[in-house]
Structures are given as structure tokens and as C-alpha cells.
Amino acid sequence: MLDRALRVSYIGSPVEIYNDLTITGFFTSQSSHIFVYTTASGVAIAYDYLRGKWSVYSNYSAVDCCNWKGKLAHLKSTGIVHVENENFDDDATFVTQKLTTDWIKLSGIQGFSRIKLINILGKYRSAHSLKVSLAYDYELYNDQVVTYTPESDYNRVSAPTKAQLYAGANTGAYQVQIKPIRQKCQAIKITIEDVVSGGVNGESFELTAMSFLIGVIGGPARLGGAKST
């Protein structure tokens, strides 16, 4: 006889700080594979059940929401109804695409390592500048901010000629390489966001992967000043 135990997973733990909010509406759609809950506080909480990820929208202030022809529609307390569209703005205001990693510990919680390079790989979607901010060693602020403006000619489907490459043509790959100013560190946190460019409110970029060139120094981090006795 095969004994199988049922296992229960609490998928709501990442957003349990919102448990005391009053739910005002609910939306779901098979095409978007998300659940959206609007709340009386103005925060909307979304769950992508395909990827198992939560998101929080902070500018809704919706008293209700529903599925209207497969699109998310929400009602404001003023009586105005907003319906999602294919644009990447909110009432003509650009919506920043922003993500922040957790603390990346490459050699244990307080181990010592050297992060030599950070490589970002993605796909170019529309005109933008890419802003990358780095925080180090569990500090609550970013100690390094780099802004990169992508060149043209991305997402090529045919190889450039040798003459084009010699003239500085892009190979078509959307790649950004960053050298941290503090290579020796315990941990690093990375924030990636887009900045509107040329008045174009587009998708900007699609992030595919991120990799690191590191060297593990070994042993605990060396703390100085008031942090050591």
C-alpha cells in the first residue's frame, strides 16, 4: 500500500502584511493568468498563478473591479472607470518597470567575496534608459547608481556584416555589463528600472537573465571601526 501525505503550502505569506485590508473587488482572466484583489486602502494585490509570484499595485484606490471583455476594469470612488489597455502608462503617466533582488549572498550570510562583474541579459522593446542601483553589505541605501542608454539596432534577426561591425554596429543582443565599485563585499542588492526616453511610454525592456563573475575570498567579512572589538 502506498501512503501519500497531502502537503499544504501557504502561498500568501509574501503579502500577509496586507491581511487586514478590506477587499473591494476581484478580477481574474485565463489570458493574463493573474488574480487581482482591489482594496479600500488604494492598494491592489495581484498573484500570477503561472509563475507563483505576487505583485502590489499602489495607485488603484478602487472601490470595485471586474472582468470586462477579458480586461481588468476598476471603479474609482469618483465614479470614473479605468480599463486596462495595451499602453505602458497610467493616465498618460509613465509606469516604471522596476525590480529589486533580495540580498545576494555569494559566500554565506557574512562571508567575504569579490564581485567583479554583473551581466544583464534581456530583450530591447522600446526607447529607454536603464538605471541600475547597487546596495552593499546590508546597508539601507544604494551606494552606486549607473544609468545606461541602449544603442539602436537591437533584436537583429540577421548577422551584421564585418564592415558594419568595424563601424560600431550592434550585434543585436541586449546586454549590459556593470563593474561594482565595491567588489569586496558580504552581499549585494540590485535594483533595475527603466527611465522614459524621448517621450516614449513603451515597454522598454524584457529581462531574461543576470549573471556574476565572482571570486570567493574565504572566511568571514572583515569589519572595521565600531563594528569590531
C-alpha atoms as a PDB file:
ATOM      1  CA  MET A   1       0.000   0.000   0.000  1.00  0.00           C
ATOM      2  CA  LEU A   2       1.330   3.420  -0.967  1.00  0.00           C
ATOM      3  CA  ASP A   3       0.812   6.083   1.692  1.00  0.00           C
ATOM      4  CA  ARG A   4       0.767   9.601   0.309  1.00  0.00           C
ATOM      5  CA  ALA A   5       0.548  12.612   2.590  1.00  0.00           C
ATOM      6  CA  LEU A   6      -1.068  15.797   1.401  1.00  0.00           C
ATOM      7  CA  ARG A   7       1.148  18.846   1.815  1.00  0.00           C
ATOM      8  CA  VAL A   8      -0.291  22.334   2.249  1.00  0.00           C
ATOM      9  CA  SER A   9       1.716  25.354   1.149  1.00  0.00           C
ATOM     10  CA  TYR A  10       0.865  28.855   2.387  1.00  0.00           C
ATOM     11  CA  ILE A  11       1.324  30.830  -0.830  1.00  0.00           C
ATOM     12  CA  GLY A  12       0.062  34.090   0.703  1.00  0.00           C
ATOM     13  CA  SER A  13       2.980  34.623   3.096  1.00  0.00           C
ATOM     14  CA  PRO A  14       4.778  37.247   0.904  1.00  0.00           C
ATOM     15  CA  VAL A  15       1.753  39.593   1.175  1.00  0.00           C
ATOM     16  CA  GLU A  16       0.369  38.695   4.587  1.00  0.00           C
ATOM     17  CA  ILE A  17       1.114  42.240   5.820  1.00  0.00           C
ATOM     18  CA  TYR A  18      -1.996  43.218   3.825  1.00  0.00           C
ATOM     19  CA  ASN A  19      -4.266  40.690   5.567  1.00  0.00           C
ATOM     20  CA  ASP A  20      -6.136  43.377   7.490  1.00  0.00           C
ATOM     21  CA  LEU A  21      -7.177  45.290   4.343  1.00  0.00           C
ATOM     22  CA  THR A  22     -10.769  45.261   3.140  1.00  0.00           C
ATOM     23  CA  ILE A  23     -11.195  43.566  -0.266  1.00  0.00           C
ATOM     24  CA  THR A  24     -13.427  45.604  -2.590  1.00  0.00           C
ATOM     25  CA  GLY A  25     -13.206  43.632  -5.827  1.00  0.00           C
ATOM     26  CA  PHE A  26     -11.713  40.622  -7.591  1.00  0.00           C
ATOM     27  CA  PHE A  27     -10.511  40.025 -11.158  1.00  0.00           C
ATOM     28  CA  THR A  28      -9.167  37.002 -12.981  1.00  0.00           C
ATOM     29  CA  SER A  29      -8.516  36.130 -16.603  1.00  0.00           C
ATOM     30  CA  GLN A  30      -7.174  32.976 -18.234  1.00  0.00           C
ATOM     31  CA  SER A  31      -5.264  35.001 -20.818  1.00  0.00           C
ATOM     32  CA  SER A  32      -3.388  37.022 -18.178  1.00  0.00           C
ATOM     33  CA  HIS A  33      -3.101  34.127 -15.648  1.00  0.00           C
ATOM     34  CA  ILE A  34      -3.423  36.513 -12.687  1.00  0.00           C
ATOM     35  CA  PHE A  35      -5.734  37.172  -9.767  1.00  0.00           C
ATOM     36  CA  VAL A  36      -6.182  40.822  -8.752  1.00  0.00           C
ATOM     37  CA  TYR A  37      -7.714  41.941  -5.459  1.00  0.00           C
ATOM     38  CA  THR A  38      -8.533  45.638  -5.037  1.00  0.00           C
ATOM     39  CA  THR A  39      -8.763  47.024  -1.508  1.00  0.00           C
ATOM     40  CA  ALA A  40     -10.353  50.002   0.202  1.00  0.00           C
ATOM     41  CA  SER A  41      -6.909  51.381   1.114  1.00  0.00           C
ATOM     42  CA  GLY A  42      -5.956  52.021  -2.518  1.00  0.00           C
ATOM     43  CA  VAL A  43      -3.594  49.062  -2.798  1.00  0.00           C
ATOM     44  CA  ALA A  44      -4.249  46.257  -5.270  1.00  0.00           C
ATOM     45  CA  ILE A  45      -2.660  42.842  -4.776  1.00  0.00           C
ATOM     46  CA  ALA A  46      -2.013  40.577  -7.775  1.00  0.00           C
ATOM     47  CA  TYR A  47      -0.994  36.909  -7.880  1.00  0.00           C
ATOM     48  CA  ASP A  48       0.480  35.358 -11.019  1.00  0.00           C
ATOM     49  CA  TYR A  49      -0.518  31.717 -10.597  1.00  0.00           C
ATOM     50  CA  LEU A  50       1.544  30.611 -13.594  1.00  0.00           C
ATOM     51  CA  ARG A  51       4.799  31.886 -12.065  1.00  0.00           C
ATOM     52  CA  GLY A  52       3.744  31.721  -8.422  1.00  0.00           C
ATOM     53  CA  LYS A  53       4.638  35.389  -7.832  1.00  0.00           C
ATOM     54  CA  TRP A  54       2.904  38.284  -6.039  1.00  0.00           C
ATOM     55  CA  SER A  55       2.831  41.954  -7.060  1.00  0.00           C
ATOM     56  CA  VAL A  56       1.458  45.034  -5.309  1.00  0.00           C
ATOM     57  CA  TYR A  57      -0.061  47.981  -7.208  1.00  0.00           C
ATOM     58  CA  SER A  58      -0.051  51.136  -5.103  1.00  0.00           C
ATOM     59  CA  ASN A  59      -2.119  53.569  -7.184  1.00  0.00           C
ATOM     60  CA  TYR A  60      -5.539  51.964  -7.613  1.00  0.00           C
ATOM     61  CA  SER A  61      -7.875  53.468  -4.975  1.00  0.00           C
ATOM     62  CA  ALA A  62     -10.603  51.300  -6.476  1.00  0.00           C
ATOM     63  CA  VAL A  63     -13.932  50.654  -4.811  1.00  0.00           C
ATOM     64  CA  ASP A  64     -14.588  47.706  -7.123  1.00  0.00           C
ATOM     65  CA  CYS A  65     -13.176  45.829 -10.108  1.00  0.00           C
ATOM     66  CA  CYS A  66     -14.355  43.252 -12.626  1.00  0.00           C
ATOM     67  CA  ASN A  67     -13.539  41.396 -15.831  1.00  0.00           C
ATOM     68  CA  TRP A  68     -14.789  43.443 -18.788  1.00  0.00           C
ATOM     69  CA  LYS A  69     -14.334  41.641 -22.111  1.00  0.00           C
ATOM     70  CA  GLY A  70     -11.266  39.896 -20.739  1.00  0.00           C
ATOM     71  CA  LYS A  71      -9.691  43.111 -19.410  1.00  0.00           C
ATOM     72  CA  LEU A  72      -9.318  44.448 -15.898  1.00  0.00           C
ATOM     73  CA  ALA A  73     -11.694  47.333 -15.179  1.00  0.00           C
ATOM     74  CA  HIS A  74     -11.818  49.153 -11.870  1.00  0.00           C
ATOM     75  CA  LEU A  75     -14.131  51.809 -10.468  1.00  0.00           C
ATOM     76  CA  LYS A  76     -12.884  54.877  -8.573  1.00  0.00           C
ATOM     77  CA  SER A  77     -14.823  56.480  -5.724  1.00  0.00           C
ATOM     78  CA  THR A  78     -15.327  59.460  -8.074  1.00  0.00           C
ATOM     79  CA  GLY A  79     -17.370  57.272 -10.408  1.00  0.00           C
ATOM     80  CA  ILE A  80     -14.624  57.116 -13.070  1.00  0.00           C
ATOM     81  CA  VAL A  81     -13.969  53.696 -14.601  1.00  0.00           C
ATOM     82  CA  HIS A  82     -10.487  52.736 -15.790  1.00  0.00           C
ATOM     83  CA  VAL A  83      -9.932  49.848 -18.210  1.00  0.00           C
ATOM     84  CA  GLU A  84      -6.514  48.343 -18.931  1.00  0.00           C
ATOM     85  CA  ASN A  85      -5.151  48.762 -22.443  1.00  0.00           C
ATOM     86  CA  GLU A  86      -2.038  47.896 -24.421  1.00  0.00           C
ATOM     87  CA  ASN A  87      -0.151  51.040 -23.418  1.00  0.00           C
ATOM     88  CA  PHE A  88       2.544  51.272 -20.771  1.00  0.00           C
ATOM     89  CA  ASP A  89       1.282  54.354 -18.958  1.00  0.00           C
ATOM     90  CA  ASP A  90      -1.344  55.214 -16.386  1.00  0.00           C
ATOM     91  CA  ASP A  91      -3.490  58.193 -17.369  1.00  0.00           C
ATOM     92  CA  ALA A  92      -0.620  59.361 -19.636  1.00  0.00           C
ATOM     93  CA  THR A  93       1.906  58.973 -16.781  1.00  0.00           C
ATOM     94  CA  PHE A  94       4.757  56.571 -17.482  1.00  0.00           C
ATOM     95  CA  VAL A  95       4.733  53.442 -15.297  1.00  0.00           C
ATOM     96  CA  THR A  96       8.252  52.471 -14.319  1.00  0.00           C
ATOM     97  CA  GLN A  97       9.260  48.847 -14.680  1.00  0.00           C
ATOM     98  CA  LYS A  98      11.261  48.223 -11.524  1.00  0.00           C
ATOM     99  CA  LEU A  99      12.576  45.146  -9.760  1.00  0.00           C
ATOM    100  CA  THR A 100      14.823  44.670  -6.747  1.00  0.00           C
ATOM    101  CA  THR A 101      16.612  41.457  -5.821  1.00  0.00           C
ATOM    102  CA  ASP A 102      16.899  40.133  -2.312  1.00  0.00           C
ATOM    103  CA  TRP A 103      20.336  40.295  -0.693  1.00  0.00           C
ATOM    104  CA  ILE A 104      22.567  38.123  -2.858  1.00  0.00           C
ATOM    105  CA  LYS A 105      24.994  36.301  -0.535  1.00  0.00           C
ATOM    106  CA  LEU A 106      27.664  34.639  -2.638  1.00  0.00           C
ATOM    107  CA  SER A 107      29.700  33.246   0.267  1.00  0.00           C
ATOM    108  CA  GLY A 108      27.325  32.668   3.169  1.00  0.00           C
ATOM    109  CA  ILE A 109      25.428  35.212   5.264  1.00  0.00           C
ATOM    110  CA  GLN A 110      28.515  37.235   6.243  1.00  0.00           C
ATOM    111  CA  GLY A 111      31.135  35.568   4.089  1.00  0.00           C
ATOM    112  CA  PHE A 112      33.647  37.559   2.088  1.00  0.00           C
ATOM    113  CA  SER A 113      33.708  37.529  -1.708  1.00  0.00           C
ATOM    114  CA  ARG A 114      34.717  39.658  -4.673  1.00  0.00           C
ATOM    115  CA  ILE A 115      32.065  40.535  -7.260  1.00  0.00           C
ATOM    116  CA  LYS A 116      33.986  41.553 -10.356  1.00  0.00           C
ATOM    117  CA  LEU A 117      31.239  41.945 -12.946  1.00  0.00           C
ATOM    118  CA  ILE A 118      27.440  41.909 -13.209  1.00  0.00           C
ATOM    119  CA  ASN A 119      25.992  40.912 -16.575  1.00  0.00           C
ATOM    120  CA  ILE A 120      22.391  41.671 -17.525  1.00  0.00           C
ATOM    121  CA  LEU A 121      20.754  39.951 -20.494  1.00  0.00           C
ATOM    122  CA  GLY A 122      17.378  40.830 -21.960  1.00  0.00           C
ATOM    123  CA  LYS A 123      15.425  41.998 -24.979  1.00  0.00           C
ATOM    124  CA  TYR A 124      15.056  45.547 -26.253  1.00  0.00           C
ATOM    125  CA  ARG A 125      11.432  46.666 -26.572  1.00  0.00           C
ATOM    126  CA  SER A 126      11.356  50.476 -26.908  1.00  0.00           C
ATOM    127  CA  ALA A 127      13.437  53.625 -26.346  1.00  0.00           C
ATOM    128  CA  HIS A 128      14.556  53.993 -22.717  1.00  0.00           C
ATOM    129  CA  SER A 129      17.475  54.376 -20.345  1.00  0.00           C
ATOM    130  CA  LEU A 130      18.324  51.557 -17.977  1.00  0.00           C
ATOM    131  CA  LYS A 131      19.041  52.555 -14.365  1.00  0.00           C
ATOM    132  CA  VAL A 132      20.872  50.045 -12.170  1.00  0.00           C
ATOM    133  CA  SER A 133      21.377  50.743  -8.437  1.00  0.00           C
ATOM    134  CA  LEU A 134      23.617  48.696  -6.144  1.00  0.00           C
ATOM    135  CA  ALA A 135      23.454  48.428  -2.350  1.00  0.00           C
ATOM    136  CA  TYR A 136      26.171  46.654  -0.383  1.00  0.00           C
ATOM    137  CA  ASP A 137      26.592  44.759   2.881  1.00  0.00           C
ATOM    138  CA  TYR A 138      23.007  45.047   4.182  1.00  0.00           C
ATOM    139  CA  GLU A 139      23.070  48.849   4.041  1.00  0.00           C
ATOM    140  CA  LEU A 140      19.711  50.591   3.617  1.00  0.00           C
ATOM    141  CA  TYR A 141      20.846  52.843   0.765  1.00  0.00           C
ATOM    142  CA  ASN A 142      22.248  52.495  -2.743  1.00  0.00           C
ATOM    143  CA  ASP A 143      25.957  53.264  -2.897  1.00  0.00           C
ATOM    144  CA  GLN A 144      26.241  53.074  -6.680  1.00  0.00           C
ATOM    145  CA  VAL A 145      23.867  54.138  -9.440  1.00  0.00           C
ATOM    146  CA  VAL A 146      24.608  53.521 -13.129  1.00  0.00           C
ATOM    147  CA  THR A 147      22.445  54.781 -15.996  1.00  0.00           C
ATOM    148  CA  TYR A 148      22.897  53.140 -19.387  1.00  0.00           C
ATOM    149  CA  THR A 149      21.290  54.357 -22.604  1.00  0.00           C
ATOM    150  CA  PRO A 150      20.991  51.445 -25.062  1.00  0.00           C
ATOM    151  CA  GLU A 151      22.210  51.916 -28.601  1.00  0.00           C
ATOM    152  CA  SER A 152      19.988  51.281 -31.600  1.00  0.00           C
ATOM    153  CA  ASP A 153      19.630  48.199 -33.785  1.00  0.00           C
ATOM    154  CA  TYR A 154      18.617  45.598 -31.199  1.00  0.00           C
ATOM    155  CA  ASN A 155      16.868  42.257 -31.757  1.00  0.00           C
ATOM    156  CA  ARG A 156      18.547  41.664 -35.119  1.00  0.00           C
ATOM    157  CA  VAL A 157      17.475  38.502 -36.935  1.00  0.00           C
ATOM    158  CA  SER A 158      20.457  38.511 -39.317  1.00  0.00           C
ATOM    159  CA  ALA A 159      24.149  38.949 -38.573  1.00  0.00           C
ATOM    160  CA  PRO A 160      25.747  42.344 -39.326  1.00  0.00           C
ATOM    161  CA  THR A 161      28.493  42.412 -41.920  1.00  0.00           C
ATOM    162  CA  LYS A 162      32.135  42.743 -40.934  1.00  0.00           C
ATOM    163  CA  ALA A 163      32.100  46.295 -42.274  1.00  0.00           C
ATOM    164  CA  GLN A 164      29.114  47.140 -40.078  1.00  0.00           C
ATOM    165  CA  LEU A 165      30.810  45.634 -37.015  1.00  0.00           C
ATOM    166  CA  TYR A 166      34.022  47.559 -37.698  1.00  0.00           C
ATOM    167  CA  ALA A 167      31.914  50.718 -37.952  1.00  0.00           C
ATOM    168  CA  GLY A 168      30.476  50.037 -34.483  1.00  0.00           C
ATOM    169  CA  ALA A 169      27.191  48.319 -35.368  1.00  0.00           C
ATOM    170  CA  ASN A 170      25.313  46.453 -32.648  1.00  0.00           C
ATOM    171  CA  THR A 171      25.266  42.652 -32.821  1.00  0.00           C
ATOM    172  CA  GLY A 172      21.602  42.779 -31.774  1.00  0.00           C
ATOM    173  CA  ALA A 173      21.972  41.339 -28.269  1.00  0.00           C
ATOM    174  CA  TYR A 174      20.636  43.429 -25.381  1.00  0.00           C
ATOM    175  CA  GLN A 175      23.475  43.062 -22.894  1.00  0.00           C
ATOM    176  CA  VAL A 176      24.701  45.373 -20.136  1.00  0.00           C
ATOM    177  CA  GLN A 177      27.852  44.834 -18.079  1.00  0.00           C
ATOM    178  CA  ILE A 178      28.430  46.654 -14.781  1.00  0.00           C
ATOM    179  CA  LYS A 179      31.581  46.785 -12.653  1.00  0.00           C
ATOM    180  CA  PRO A 180      30.761  47.264  -8.950  1.00  0.00           C
ATOM    181  CA  ILE A 181      32.755  49.995  -7.230  1.00  0.00           C
ATOM    182  CA  ARG A 182      32.900  47.861  -4.070  1.00  0.00           C
ATOM    183  CA  GLN A 183      33.971  44.473  -5.338  1.00  0.00           C
ATOM    184  CA  LYS A 184      34.895  43.043  -1.927  1.00  0.00           C
ATOM    185  CA  CYS A 185      31.649  42.672  -0.022  1.00  0.00           C
ATOM    186  CA  GLN A 186      29.455  40.350   2.028  1.00  0.00           C
ATOM    187  CA  ALA A 187      26.289  40.782  -0.027  1.00  0.00           C
ATOM    188  CA  ILE A 188      24.826  42.902  -2.801  1.00  0.00           C
ATOM    189  CA  LYS A 189      21.287  44.020  -3.671  1.00  0.00           C
ATOM    190  CA  ILE A 190      20.458  45.088  -7.234  1.00  0.00           C
ATOM    191  CA  THR A 191      17.618  47.350  -8.402  1.00  0.00           C
ATOM    192  CA  ILE A 192      16.879  47.553 -12.125  1.00  0.00           C
ATOM    193  CA  GLU A 193      14.433  50.088 -13.563  1.00  0.00           C
ATOM    194  CA  ASP A 194      13.675  51.896 -16.792  1.00  0.00           C
ATOM    195  CA  VAL A 195      13.639  55.654 -17.350  1.00  0.00           C
ATOM    196  CA  VAL A 196      11.443  57.129 -20.067  1.00  0.00           C
ATOM    197  CA  SER A 197      13.408  58.333 -23.082  1.00  0.00           C
ATOM    198  CA  GLY A 198      12.317  60.674 -25.870  1.00  0.00           C
ATOM    199  CA  GLY A 199       8.784  60.935 -24.519  1.00  0.00           C
ATOM    200  CA  VAL A 200       8.056  57.310 -25.461  1.00  0.00           C
ATOM    201  CA  ASN A 201       5.978  55.401 -22.888  1.00  0.00           C
ATOM    202  CA  GLY A 202       6.852  51.925 -24.102  1.00  0.00           C
ATOM    203  CA  GLU A 203       7.666  48.507 -22.671  1.00  0.00           C
ATOM    204  CA  SER A 204      11.366  49.460 -22.576  1.00  0.00           C
ATOM    205  CA  PHE A 205      12.977  46.058 -21.970  1.00  0.00           C
ATOM    206  CA  GLU A 206      12.361  42.459 -21.044  1.00  0.00           C
ATOM    207  CA  LEU A 207      14.780  40.989 -18.517  1.00  0.00           C
ATOM    208  CA  THR A 208      15.939  37.464 -19.359  1.00  0.00           C
ATOM    209  CA  ALA A 209      18.829  36.661 -17.012  1.00  0.00           C
ATOM    210  CA  MET A 210      21.533  38.043 -14.764  1.00  0.00           C
ATOM    211  CA  SER A 211      24.948  36.525 -14.060  1.00  0.00           C
ATOM    212  CA  PHE A 212      28.035  37.346 -11.985  1.00  0.00           C
ATOM    213  CA  LEU A 213      31.782  36.974 -12.255  1.00  0.00           C
ATOM    214  CA  ILE A 214      32.902  36.367  -8.677  1.00  0.00           C
ATOM    215  CA  GLY A 215      35.820  35.213  -6.597  1.00  0.00           C
ATOM    216  CA  VAL A 216      35.307  33.747  -3.123  1.00  0.00           C
ATOM    217  CA  ILE A 217      37.916  35.161  -0.750  1.00  0.00           C
ATOM    218  CA  GLY A 218      37.022  32.864   2.124  1.00  0.00           C
ATOM    219  CA  GLY A 219      36.470  33.401   5.821  1.00  0.00           C
ATOM    220  CA  PRO A 220      34.141  35.930   7.462  1.00  0.00           C
ATOM    221  CA  ALA A 221      33.909  39.536   6.355  1.00  0.00           C
ATOM    222  CA  ARG A 222      36.427  41.922   7.870  1.00  0.00           C
ATOM    223  CA  LEU A 223      34.518  44.527   9.870  1.00  0.00           C
ATOM    224  CA  GLY A 224      36.231  47.725  10.908  1.00  0.00           C
ATOM    225  CA  GLY A 225      35.627  50.718  13.138  1.00  0.00           C
ATOM    226  CA  ALA A 226      32.865  50.449  15.738  1.00  0.00           C
ATOM    227  CA  LYS A 227      31.714  47.146  14.255  1.00  0.00           C
ATOM    228  CA  SER A 228      34.655  45.210  15.702  1.00  0.00           C
ATOM    229  CA  THR A 229      36.174  44.961  19.168  1.00  0.00           C
END
